Amino acid sequence: MHKLVPVLALLSALTACSQSPAPADSSVITSRSEAWEAALNGADTDALVDIYTSDARLLPPNGPMTSGSDAVRAIFGGMIDAGIGGDLTSVEATVVGDIGYNVGNYTLTAGDTVVDSGKYIETWSRGADGQWRIANDIWNSDMPAMAPADDAPSSHVMILHQVEDADRWFAAWRGEDSRHKLFKDNGAAHVHTFRNEADPNLTGLVIAVNDMAAMEAMLSSEEGQAAATEDGVKMDTMTVLIEAE
């Protein structure tokens, strides 16, 4: 019997080692996810990049897999530069040891306009510094598929101008029946609005155009001129830049 004692002890140790660690408190992941959302909405690219590992992999919709801090800065910093914010809703988060995952839904907005909504899944890892960071991030849209190539934007236009009151001008671009609809109905697939922080009344548009003739006709029409006047656009300050080939 005394020979069985070390054998039983060894079996007990092996059994303990083979058992998976119990799931830990997942709030560490959800709180870091909230920090991601705050960084995006606060236009803090550096804080957002720090939430990813240095070799993190990004798997965006309609694009190749990229990796590293430069890729994170390019994709999400580009969203911030375009004035995009958003909301994340975690559906399930789990932590086991130094690995975790988070599954949820997202909504991206530009002002009051929803520009995309979909779902995501992230894997997280705890580094040597004890901090949790995203190691893999994949997301895809719930929006309808893009229009056929024939309807895709053929060019981009940038318009810069001074306005009488930036808040009044931006208000015209918000809501269901905003200037976005006017432009979309007249050859502009997408419009992003911008302002200069040092001179708030210096505003601008970046327009993805799929029918240049229709958009130019609208801008010079009575409807287009009336909209510009109503929005307080100072027409004599307007500069129009066409995408160079």
Protein backbone atom coordinates (compact mmCIF):
# COMPACT_ATOMS: atom_id res chain seq x y z
CA MET A 1 0.00 0.00 0.00
CA HIS A 2 2.86 2.39 0.83
CA LYS A 3 4.04 2.07 -2.82
CA LEU A 4 0.68 3.39 -4.03
CA VAL A 5 0.92 6.65 -2.08
CA PRO A 6 3.47 8.43 -4.35
CA VAL A 7 1.65 7.12 -7.43
CA LEU A 8 -1.66 8.54 -6.22
CA ALA A 9 0.02 11.84 -5.37
CA LEU A 10 1.52 12.01 -8.87
CA LEU A 11 -1.85 11.25 -10.49
CA SER A 12 -3.49 13.94 -8.38
CA ALA A 13 -0.87 16.50 -9.45
CA LEU A 14 -1.22 15.58 -13.12
CA THR A 15 -5.00 15.85 -12.90
CA ALA A 16 -4.75 19.30 -11.34
CA CYS A 17 -2.37 20.46 -14.08
CA SER A 18 -4.62 19.15 -16.84
CA GLN A 19 -7.68 21.01 -15.62
CA SER A 20 -8.44 24.29 -17.44
CA PRO A 21 -8.28 27.41 -15.27
CA ALA A 22 -11.65 28.73 -14.21
CA PRO A 23 -12.99 31.79 -16.08
CA ALA A 24 -12.12 35.06 -14.35
CA ASP A 25 -14.07 38.29 -13.97
CA SER A 26 -14.82 39.55 -17.50
CA SER A 27 -15.35 43.14 -16.37
CA VAL A 28 -11.67 43.80 -17.06
CA ILE A 29 -12.45 43.29 -20.76
CA THR A 30 -15.67 45.29 -20.84
CA SER A 31 -14.03 48.20 -19.01
CA ARG A 32 -11.19 48.25 -21.54
CA SER A 33 -13.77 48.10 -24.33
CA GLU A 34 -15.40 51.18 -22.80
CA ALA A 35 -11.98 52.86 -22.84
CA TRP A 36 -11.74 52.05 -26.58
CA GLU A 37 -15.11 53.73 -27.16
CA ALA A 38 -14.05 56.76 -25.11
CA ALA A 39 -10.80 57.08 -27.08
CA LEU A 40 -12.66 57.04 -30.41
CA ASN A 41 -15.27 59.55 -29.29
CA GLY A 42 -12.60 61.69 -27.64
CA ALA A 43 -10.53 61.75 -30.85
CA ASP A 44 -7.56 60.35 -28.88
CA THR A 45 -5.69 58.25 -31.43
CA ASP A 46 -2.72 57.59 -29.14
CA ALA A 47 -4.94 56.19 -26.39
CA LEU A 48 -6.74 54.01 -28.93
CA VAL A 49 -3.47 52.64 -30.33
CA ASP A 50 -2.34 51.78 -26.78
CA ILE A 51 -5.37 49.51 -26.35
CA TYR A 52 -3.88 47.16 -28.99
CA THR A 53 -0.81 44.94 -28.75
CA SER A 54 2.14 46.09 -30.85
CA ASP A 55 1.56 43.19 -33.27
CA ALA A 56 -2.25 43.22 -33.20
CA ARG A 57 -4.03 41.90 -36.28
CA LEU A 58 -6.90 43.88 -37.81
CA LEU A 59 -9.43 42.20 -40.12
CA PRO A 60 -11.62 45.00 -41.48
CA PRO A 61 -14.56 44.52 -43.86
CA ASN A 62 -13.78 44.70 -47.56
CA GLY A 63 -10.06 44.92 -46.96
CA PRO A 64 -6.94 42.82 -46.32
CA MET A 65 -5.70 41.77 -42.90
CA THR A 66 -3.12 44.20 -41.51
CA SER A 67 -1.10 44.21 -38.32
CA GLY A 68 0.87 46.43 -35.98
CA SER A 69 0.47 49.81 -34.34
CA ASP A 70 0.81 51.68 -37.65
CA ALA A 71 -2.15 49.74 -39.04
CA VAL A 72 -4.24 50.54 -35.97
CA ARG A 73 -3.34 54.22 -36.28
CA ALA A 74 -4.11 54.27 -40.01
CA ILE A 75 -7.55 52.64 -39.75
CA PHE A 76 -8.94 54.09 -36.55
CA GLY A 77 -7.01 57.35 -36.73
CA GLY A 78 -8.54 57.74 -40.19
CA MET A 79 -12.00 57.34 -38.66
CA ILE A 80 -11.19 60.01 -36.07
CA ASP A 81 -9.87 62.36 -38.76
CA ALA A 82 -13.14 61.87 -40.66
CA GLY A 83 -15.13 62.92 -37.61
CA ILE A 84 -16.50 59.45 -36.90
CA GLY A 85 -17.49 58.35 -33.41
CA GLY A 86 -19.44 55.37 -32.18
CA ASP A 87 -20.94 53.09 -29.57
CA LEU A 88 -19.97 49.54 -28.60
CA THR A 89 -22.32 47.06 -26.94
CA SER A 90 -20.69 43.95 -25.54
CA VAL A 91 -22.81 40.79 -25.89
CA GLU A 92 -20.39 38.34 -24.29
CA ALA A 93 -16.96 38.76 -22.71
CA THR A 94 -14.89 35.98 -21.14
CA VAL A 95 -11.45 35.84 -19.51
CA VAL A 96 -9.47 32.66 -18.87
CA GLY A 97 -5.95 33.09 -17.58
CA ASP A 98 -4.15 35.67 -19.70
CA ILE A 99 -6.51 35.34 -22.68
CA GLY A 100 -9.98 36.77 -23.23
CA TYR A 101 -12.48 37.53 -25.93
CA ASN A 102 -15.26 40.04 -26.48
CA VAL A 103 -18.21 39.74 -28.87
CA GLY A 104 -20.59 42.61 -29.51
CA ASN A 105 -22.29 45.12 -31.76
CA TYR A 106 -21.13 48.54 -32.92
CA THR A 107 -22.65 51.70 -34.37
CA LEU A 108 -20.54 54.36 -36.10
CA THR A 109 -21.81 57.90 -36.49
CA ALA A 110 -20.80 61.17 -38.09
CA GLY A 111 -22.62 63.79 -36.07
CA ASP A 112 -26.20 62.56 -35.82
CA THR A 113 -25.91 60.39 -38.93
CA VAL A 114 -25.36 56.63 -38.62
CA VAL A 115 -22.71 55.71 -41.17
CA ASP A 116 -22.35 52.05 -40.26
CA SER A 117 -23.53 49.40 -37.82
CA GLY A 118 -22.47 45.81 -37.41
CA LYS A 119 -20.81 43.27 -35.14
CA TYR A 120 -17.30 42.49 -33.94
CA ILE A 121 -15.23 39.90 -32.13
CA GLU A 122 -11.94 40.64 -30.39
CA THR A 123 -9.36 38.46 -28.68
CA TRP A 124 -7.52 40.07 -25.78
CA SER A 125 -4.26 39.19 -24.05
CA ARG A 126 -2.67 40.33 -20.81
CA GLY A 127 0.87 41.60 -21.26
CA ALA A 128 3.88 41.53 -18.99
CA ASP A 129 2.81 44.90 -17.60
CA GLY A 130 -0.50 43.37 -16.48
CA GLN A 131 -2.49 45.45 -18.95
CA TRP A 132 -5.12 43.90 -21.22
CA ARG A 133 -4.88 44.72 -24.92
CA ILE A 134 -6.59 43.62 -28.14
CA ALA A 135 -4.55 41.06 -30.07
CA ASN A 136 -7.04 40.36 -32.88
CA ASP A 137 -9.94 42.54 -34.04
CA ILE A 138 -12.47 41.63 -36.74
CA TRP A 139 -15.66 43.50 -37.56
CA ASN A 140 -18.21 43.54 -40.38
CA SER A 141 -21.19 45.62 -41.33
CA ASP A 142 -24.90 44.91 -41.08
CA MET A 143 -25.50 47.49 -43.81
CA PRO A 144 -26.56 46.38 -47.33
CA ALA A 145 -23.78 45.50 -49.72
CA MET A 146 -22.21 48.31 -51.70
CA ALA A 147 -23.80 49.36 -54.95
CA PRO A 148 -22.49 47.82 -58.20
CA ALA A 149 -19.30 49.29 -59.61
CA ASP A 150 -21.21 51.37 -62.17
CA ASP A 151 -22.78 53.34 -59.30
CA ALA A 152 -19.58 53.64 -57.29
CA PRO A 153 -18.11 57.12 -56.71
CA SER A 154 -16.07 58.15 -59.73
CA SER A 155 -14.32 61.09 -58.09
CA HIS A 156 -13.93 63.09 -54.91
CA VAL A 157 -14.46 66.80 -54.39
CA MET A 158 -13.34 68.98 -51.51
CA ILE A 159 -15.18 72.24 -50.81
CA LEU A 160 -13.85 74.78 -48.29
CA HIS A 161 -15.75 77.89 -47.22
CA GLN A 162 -16.47 80.30 -44.41
CA VAL A 163 -19.93 80.29 -42.83
CA GLU A 164 -21.75 82.85 -40.75
CA ASP A 165 -22.35 80.41 -37.87
CA ALA A 166 -20.76 76.96 -37.78
CA ASP A 167 -23.37 75.53 -35.39
CA ARG A 168 -26.13 76.63 -37.75
CA TRP A 169 -24.29 75.14 -40.73
CA PHE A 170 -23.67 71.80 -39.00
CA ALA A 171 -27.30 71.66 -37.87
CA ALA A 172 -28.35 71.61 -41.52
CA TRP A 173 -26.33 68.41 -41.98
CA ARG A 174 -28.06 66.56 -39.15
CA GLY A 175 -31.34 64.70 -39.10
CA GLU A 176 -33.34 62.57 -41.49
CA ASP A 177 -33.99 65.28 -44.10
CA SER A 178 -30.58 66.92 -43.89
CA ARG A 179 -28.25 68.21 -46.59
CA HIS A 180 -26.88 64.67 -46.84
CA LYS A 181 -30.16 63.69 -48.54
CA LEU A 182 -30.06 66.68 -50.89
CA PHE A 183 -26.56 65.79 -52.04
CA LYS A 184 -27.25 62.05 -52.25
CA ASP A 185 -30.27 62.73 -54.45
CA ASN A 186 -28.06 64.77 -56.76
CA GLY A 187 -25.05 62.64 -57.55
CA ALA A 188 -23.11 62.63 -54.26
CA ALA A 189 -22.79 59.16 -52.74
CA HIS A 190 -21.28 60.28 -49.41
CA VAL A 191 -20.44 63.59 -47.77
CA HIS A 192 -18.20 64.17 -44.75
CA THR A 193 -18.27 67.53 -42.95
CA PHE A 194 -15.27 69.25 -41.34
CA ARG A 195 -14.38 72.35 -39.36
CA ASN A 196 -11.15 74.15 -38.50
CA GLU A 197 -10.49 74.11 -34.74
CA ALA A 198 -8.60 77.42 -34.82
CA ASP A 199 -11.28 79.09 -36.96
CA PRO A 200 -14.62 77.27 -36.27
CA ASN A 201 -16.45 79.12 -39.04
CA LEU A 202 -14.00 77.73 -41.59
CA THR A 203 -15.84 74.58 -42.66
CA GLY A 204 -15.63 72.08 -45.47
CA LEU A 205 -16.94 69.04 -47.24
CA VAL A 206 -15.31 65.97 -48.74
CA ILE A 207 -17.75 64.53 -51.25
CA ALA A 208 -17.67 61.13 -52.97
CA VAL A 209 -19.29 61.89 -56.32
CA ASN A 210 -20.88 59.36 -58.67
CA ASP A 211 -22.56 61.89 -60.98
CA MET A 212 -20.58 65.12 -61.26
CA ALA A 213 -22.99 66.76 -63.70
CA ALA A 214 -25.96 66.17 -61.39
CA MET A 215 -24.15 67.56 -58.36
CA GLU A 216 -22.88 70.65 -60.23
CA ALA A 217 -26.40 71.29 -61.55
CA MET A 218 -27.79 71.11 -58.02
CA LEU A 219 -25.16 73.47 -56.60
CA SER A 220 -25.91 76.11 -59.25
CA SER A 221 -29.70 75.62 -59.14
CA GLU A 222 -32.12 77.83 -57.23
CA GLU A 223 -32.57 75.01 -54.70
CA GLY A 224 -28.83 74.68 -54.16
CA GLN A 225 -28.27 78.42 -53.89
CA ALA A 226 -31.20 78.77 -51.46
CA ALA A 227 -29.80 75.97 -49.29
CA ALA A 228 -26.37 77.64 -49.19
CA THR A 229 -27.94 80.96 -48.21
CA GLU A 230 -30.11 79.35 -45.56
CA ASP A 231 -27.06 77.58 -44.10
CA GLY A 232 -25.06 80.82 -43.97
CA VAL A 233 -22.41 79.87 -46.53
CA LYS A 234 -20.27 82.83 -47.61
CA MET A 235 -20.14 82.06 -51.31
CA ASP A 236 -17.28 84.46 -52.05
CA THR A 237 -15.00 82.41 -49.75
CA MET A 238 -15.70 79.08 -51.43
CA THR A 239 -12.83 77.00 -52.82
CA VAL A 240 -13.53 73.82 -54.78
CA LEU A 241 -10.83 71.17 -55.25
CA ILE A 242 -11.27 68.25 -57.67
CA GLU A 243 -9.46 64.97 -57.10
CA ALA A 244 -6.33 64.79 -59.22
CA GLU A 245 -5.77 61.63 -61.25
